[in-house]
Amino acid sequence: MKIGMRMTAGLIGLAFGFVLSAAPAHAAAKKVDCDAVMQELNSGKKTRVVAVDQKISTSSVYRCKKRAATAAKAAAKAGNVVAAKPAASPATAKP
């Protein structure tokens, strides 16, 4: 009887360990291309539409937006500011 209980406990432990180790492997199987996501967002598409097009969740789209905002802040702090708006044309300047 003791052997049967130990074997059952061991099998349950192995099954539990397998379930815990399989979850991160499944999550790591699909990587999100944040560059493609941001390109679509910058073209004017809505978050939900981008998520459906890329076959990802809306939370992944929001995560890409957050990473892009963080990268922009870091670049601004470092002095690598990219012009958000193009400079006005000299032809439109008042004489």
N, C-alpha and C. Protein backbone atom coordinates (compact mmCIF):
# COMPACT_ATOMS: atom_id res chain seq x y z
N MET A 1 0.82 -1.19 0.00
CA MET A 1 0.00 0.00 0.00
C MET A 1 0.87 1.26 0.00
N LYS A 2 1.95 1.24 0.79
CA LYS A 2 2.84 2.40 0.83
C LYS A 2 3.52 2.63 -0.51
N ILE A 3 3.85 1.55 -1.19
CA ILE A 3 4.51 1.67 -2.48
C ILE A 3 3.55 2.29 -3.49
N GLY A 4 2.30 1.89 -3.45
CA GLY A 4 1.30 2.43 -4.36
C GLY A 4 1.08 3.92 -4.13
N MET A 5 1.07 4.35 -2.88
CA MET A 5 0.87 5.76 -2.55
C MET A 5 2.08 6.59 -3.01
N ARG A 6 3.25 6.05 -2.81
CA ARG A 6 4.46 6.76 -3.23
C ARG A 6 4.51 6.88 -4.76
N MET A 7 4.12 5.81 -5.44
CA MET A 7 4.13 5.83 -6.89
C MET A 7 3.09 6.83 -7.42
N THR A 8 1.93 6.86 -6.79
CA THR A 8 0.89 7.80 -7.19
C THR A 8 1.36 9.23 -6.95
N ALA A 9 1.95 9.49 -5.81
CA ALA A 9 2.45 10.83 -5.50
C ALA A 9 3.55 11.23 -6.48
N GLY A 10 4.39 10.29 -6.84
CA GLY A 10 5.46 10.58 -7.80
C GLY A 10 4.91 10.90 -9.18
N LEU A 11 3.90 10.16 -9.61
CA LEU A 11 3.29 10.43 -10.91
C LEU A 11 2.58 11.77 -10.92
N ILE A 12 1.91 12.10 -9.84
CA ILE A 12 1.25 13.41 -9.75
C ILE A 12 2.29 14.52 -9.78
N GLY A 13 3.39 14.32 -9.09
CA GLY A 13 4.47 15.31 -9.10
C GLY A 13 5.06 15.49 -10.49
N LEU A 14 5.26 14.40 -11.21
CA LEU A 14 5.77 14.50 -12.57
C LEU A 14 4.79 15.21 -13.50
N ALA A 15 3.51 14.90 -13.36
CA ALA A 15 2.50 15.55 -14.20
C ALA A 15 2.44 17.04 -13.90
N PHE A 16 2.49 17.38 -12.64
CA PHE A 16 2.45 18.79 -12.24
C PHE A 16 3.69 19.53 -12.77
N GLY A 17 4.83 18.92 -12.68
CA GLY A 17 6.06 19.53 -13.19
C GLY A 17 6.01 19.71 -14.70
N PHE A 18 5.42 18.77 -15.40
CA PHE A 18 5.30 18.88 -16.85
C PHE A 18 4.39 20.04 -17.23
N VAL A 19 3.29 20.19 -16.53
CA VAL A 19 2.35 21.28 -16.81
C VAL A 19 3.02 22.62 -16.57
N LEU A 20 3.76 22.75 -15.50
CA LEU A 20 4.42 24.02 -15.21
C LEU A 20 5.52 24.35 -16.21
N SER A 21 6.22 23.34 -16.69
CA SER A 21 7.31 23.61 -17.63
C SER A 21 6.80 23.83 -19.05
N ALA A 22 5.63 23.31 -19.38
CA ALA A 22 5.09 23.44 -20.73
C ALA A 22 4.52 24.83 -20.98
N ALA A 23 4.03 25.51 -19.97
CA ALA A 23 3.40 26.82 -20.16
C ALA A 23 4.38 27.86 -20.71
N PRO A 24 5.57 28.05 -20.13
CA PRO A 24 6.49 29.03 -20.70
C PRO A 24 6.96 28.66 -22.10
N ALA A 25 7.10 27.39 -22.39
CA ALA A 25 7.53 26.97 -23.72
C ALA A 25 6.46 27.32 -24.75
N HIS A 26 5.22 27.17 -24.38
CA HIS A 26 4.13 27.52 -25.30
C HIS A 26 4.09 29.02 -25.53
N ALA A 27 4.27 29.79 -24.47
CA ALA A 27 4.23 31.25 -24.60
C ALA A 27 5.40 31.76 -25.44
N ALA A 28 6.53 31.10 -25.34
CA ALA A 28 7.71 31.54 -26.08
C ALA A 28 7.67 31.10 -27.55
N ALA A 29 6.73 30.24 -27.87
CA ALA A 29 6.68 29.72 -29.24
C ALA A 29 6.27 30.79 -30.24
N LYS A 30 5.48 31.77 -29.84
CA LYS A 30 5.03 32.79 -30.77
C LYS A 30 5.60 34.14 -30.37
N LYS A 31 6.42 34.69 -31.20
CA LYS A 31 7.00 36.00 -30.97
C LYS A 31 6.21 37.04 -31.74
N VAL A 32 6.08 38.21 -31.16
CA VAL A 32 5.34 39.30 -31.80
C VAL A 32 6.33 40.21 -32.49
N ASP A 33 6.07 40.53 -33.73
CA ASP A 33 6.91 41.45 -34.51
C ASP A 33 6.42 42.88 -34.23
N CYS A 34 7.00 43.51 -33.22
CA CYS A 34 6.55 44.83 -32.80
C CYS A 34 6.78 45.88 -33.89
N ASP A 35 7.79 45.69 -34.72
CA ASP A 35 8.02 46.65 -35.81
C ASP A 35 6.84 46.64 -36.78
N ALA A 36 6.37 45.44 -37.12
CA ALA A 36 5.23 45.35 -38.04
C ALA A 36 3.97 45.90 -37.39
N VAL A 37 3.80 45.63 -36.09
CA VAL A 37 2.64 46.14 -35.36
C VAL A 37 2.65 47.66 -35.35
N MET A 38 3.80 48.26 -35.05
CA MET A 38 3.87 49.73 -34.99
C MET A 38 3.69 50.34 -36.37
N GLN A 39 4.17 49.67 -37.40
CA GLN A 39 4.00 50.18 -38.76
C GLN A 39 2.50 50.25 -39.10
N GLU A 40 1.78 49.22 -38.74
CA GLU A 40 0.34 49.22 -39.01
C GLU A 40 -0.40 50.25 -38.16
N LEU A 41 0.01 50.39 -36.90
CA LEU A 41 -0.62 51.40 -36.05
C LEU A 41 -0.35 52.81 -36.57
N ASN A 42 0.87 53.04 -37.03
CA ASN A 42 1.23 54.36 -37.54
C ASN A 42 0.55 54.66 -38.88
N SER A 43 0.09 53.61 -39.57
CA SER A 43 -0.63 53.84 -40.82
C SER A 43 -2.09 54.19 -40.58
N GLY A 44 -2.51 54.17 -39.32
CA GLY A 44 -3.86 54.60 -38.98
C GLY A 44 -4.82 53.49 -38.57
N LYS A 45 -4.35 52.26 -38.54
CA LYS A 45 -5.24 51.16 -38.16
C LYS A 45 -5.49 51.17 -36.66
N LYS A 46 -6.64 50.68 -36.26
CA LYS A 46 -7.01 50.57 -34.85
C LYS A 46 -6.35 49.34 -34.23
N THR A 47 -6.25 49.36 -32.91
CA THR A 47 -5.60 48.29 -32.18
C THR A 47 -6.22 46.93 -32.48
N ARG A 48 -7.52 46.86 -32.46
CA ARG A 48 -8.22 45.59 -32.68
C ARG A 48 -7.97 45.06 -34.09
N VAL A 49 -7.96 45.95 -35.07
CA VAL A 49 -7.73 45.54 -36.47
C VAL A 49 -6.31 44.99 -36.63
N VAL A 50 -5.35 45.66 -36.02
CA VAL A 50 -3.96 45.20 -36.09
C VAL A 50 -3.84 43.82 -35.44
N ALA A 51 -4.50 43.64 -34.30
CA ALA A 51 -4.43 42.36 -33.60
C ALA A 51 -5.00 41.24 -34.46
N VAL A 52 -6.11 41.50 -35.11
CA VAL A 52 -6.72 40.48 -35.97
C VAL A 52 -5.82 40.20 -37.18
N ASP A 53 -5.29 41.26 -37.81
CA ASP A 53 -4.42 41.08 -38.97
C ASP A 53 -3.15 40.29 -38.63
N GLN A 54 -2.57 40.58 -37.49
CA GLN A 54 -1.32 39.92 -37.09
C GLN A 54 -1.55 38.59 -36.38
N LYS A 55 -2.83 38.27 -36.10
CA LYS A 55 -3.20 37.05 -35.38
C LYS A 55 -2.56 37.01 -33.99
N ILE A 56 -2.65 38.16 -33.29
CA ILE A 56 -2.14 38.29 -31.93
C ILE A 56 -3.24 38.90 -31.07
N SER A 57 -3.02 38.95 -29.77
CA SER A 57 -4.01 39.53 -28.87
C SER A 57 -3.85 41.05 -28.84
N THR A 58 -4.92 41.71 -28.41
CA THR A 58 -4.85 43.17 -28.30
C THR A 58 -3.85 43.57 -27.22
N SER A 59 -3.68 42.73 -26.20
CA SER A 59 -2.70 43.07 -25.16
C SER A 59 -1.28 43.07 -25.73
N SER A 60 -1.01 42.22 -26.72
CA SER A 60 0.30 42.22 -27.37
C SER A 60 0.51 43.51 -28.15
N VAL A 61 -0.56 44.02 -28.76
CA VAL A 61 -0.46 45.29 -29.49
C VAL A 61 -0.17 46.42 -28.51
N TYR A 62 -0.89 46.43 -27.38
CA TYR A 62 -0.64 47.46 -26.37
C TYR A 62 0.77 47.36 -25.80
N ARG A 63 1.28 46.13 -25.67
CA ARG A 63 2.64 45.93 -25.17
C ARG A 63 3.66 46.53 -26.15
N CYS A 64 3.42 46.36 -27.45
CA CYS A 64 4.30 46.95 -28.46
C CYS A 64 4.25 48.47 -28.41
N LYS A 65 3.05 49.02 -28.21
CA LYS A 65 2.91 50.48 -28.10
C LYS A 65 3.70 51.00 -26.90
N LYS A 66 3.62 50.26 -25.79
CA LYS A 66 4.33 50.67 -24.58
C LYS A 66 5.85 50.62 -24.79
N ARG A 67 6.32 49.56 -25.45
CA ARG A 67 7.76 49.44 -25.72
C ARG A 67 8.25 50.56 -26.64
N ALA A 68 7.44 50.91 -27.62
CA ALA A 68 7.81 51.98 -28.55
C ALA A 68 7.87 53.32 -27.82
N ALA A 69 6.92 53.55 -26.92
CA ALA A 69 6.91 54.80 -26.16
C ALA A 69 8.12 54.87 -25.23
N THR A 70 8.46 53.76 -24.61
CA THR A 70 9.62 53.71 -23.73
C THR A 70 10.91 53.96 -24.52
N ALA A 71 11.00 53.37 -25.70
CA ALA A 71 12.19 53.57 -26.54
C ALA A 71 12.29 55.02 -26.99
N ALA A 72 11.16 55.63 -27.29
CA ALA A 72 11.17 57.04 -27.71
C ALA A 72 11.63 57.94 -26.57
N LYS A 73 11.18 57.65 -25.35
CA LYS A 73 11.60 58.45 -24.20
C LYS A 73 13.10 58.29 -23.94
N ALA A 74 13.59 57.06 -24.08
CA ALA A 74 15.01 56.81 -23.87
C ALA A 74 15.85 57.54 -24.92
N ALA A 75 15.37 57.55 -26.16
CA ALA A 75 16.10 58.24 -27.23
C ALA A 75 16.09 59.74 -26.99
N ALA A 76 14.98 60.27 -26.49
CA ALA A 76 14.91 61.71 -26.21
C ALA A 76 15.86 62.09 -25.08
N LYS A 77 15.95 61.24 -24.07
CA LYS A 77 16.87 61.50 -22.96
C LYS A 77 18.32 61.47 -23.42
N ALA A 78 18.61 60.58 -24.36
CA ALA A 78 19.99 60.42 -24.84
C ALA A 78 20.38 61.51 -25.84
N GLY A 79 19.40 62.31 -26.24
CA GLY A 79 19.70 63.37 -27.19
C GLY A 79 19.53 62.97 -28.62
N ASN A 80 19.00 61.79 -28.84
CA ASN A 80 18.76 61.29 -30.20
C ASN A 80 17.33 61.59 -30.61
N VAL A 81 16.91 62.80 -30.48
CA VAL A 81 15.53 63.17 -30.75
C VAL A 81 15.28 63.14 -32.24
N VAL A 82 14.26 62.43 -32.62
CA VAL A 82 13.85 62.35 -34.02
C VAL A 82 12.71 63.35 -34.19
N ALA A 83 12.76 64.14 -35.23
CA ALA A 83 11.73 65.15 -35.45
C ALA A 83 10.39 64.46 -35.64
N ALA A 84 9.42 64.86 -34.82
CA ALA A 84 8.09 64.27 -34.91
C ALA A 84 7.31 64.87 -36.07
N LYS A 85 7.56 66.14 -36.35
CA LYS A 85 6.87 66.82 -37.45
C LYS A 85 7.93 67.36 -38.41
N PRO A 86 7.66 67.32 -39.69
CA PRO A 86 8.63 67.87 -40.63
C PRO A 86 8.70 69.39 -40.48
N ALA A 87 9.85 69.93 -40.79
CA ALA A 87 10.04 71.38 -40.70
C ALA A 87 9.19 72.07 -41.76
N ALA A 88 8.80 73.30 -41.45
CA ALA A 88 7.97 74.05 -42.40
C ALA A 88 8.78 74.38 -43.65
N SER A 89 8.11 74.38 -44.76
CA SER A 89 8.74 74.66 -46.03
C SER A 89 9.14 76.14 -46.09
N PRO A 90 10.30 76.49 -46.63
CA PRO A 90 10.68 77.90 -46.74
C PRO A 90 9.72 78.66 -47.64
N ALA A 91 9.04 77.97 -48.53
CA ALA A 91 8.11 78.65 -49.42
C ALA A 91 6.88 79.19 -48.68
N THR A 92 6.57 78.57 -47.53
CA THR A 92 5.40 79.01 -46.78
C THR A 92 5.75 80.08 -45.74
N ALA A 93 7.03 80.35 -45.59
CA ALA A 93 7.45 81.36 -44.60
C ALA A 93 7.05 82.75 -45.06
N LYS A 94 6.65 83.58 -44.11
CA LYS A 94 6.25 84.94 -44.44
C LYS A 94 7.50 85.81 -44.66
N PRO A 95 7.49 86.64 -45.69
CA PRO A 95 8.67 87.47 -45.97
C PRO A 95 8.79 88.63 -45.00
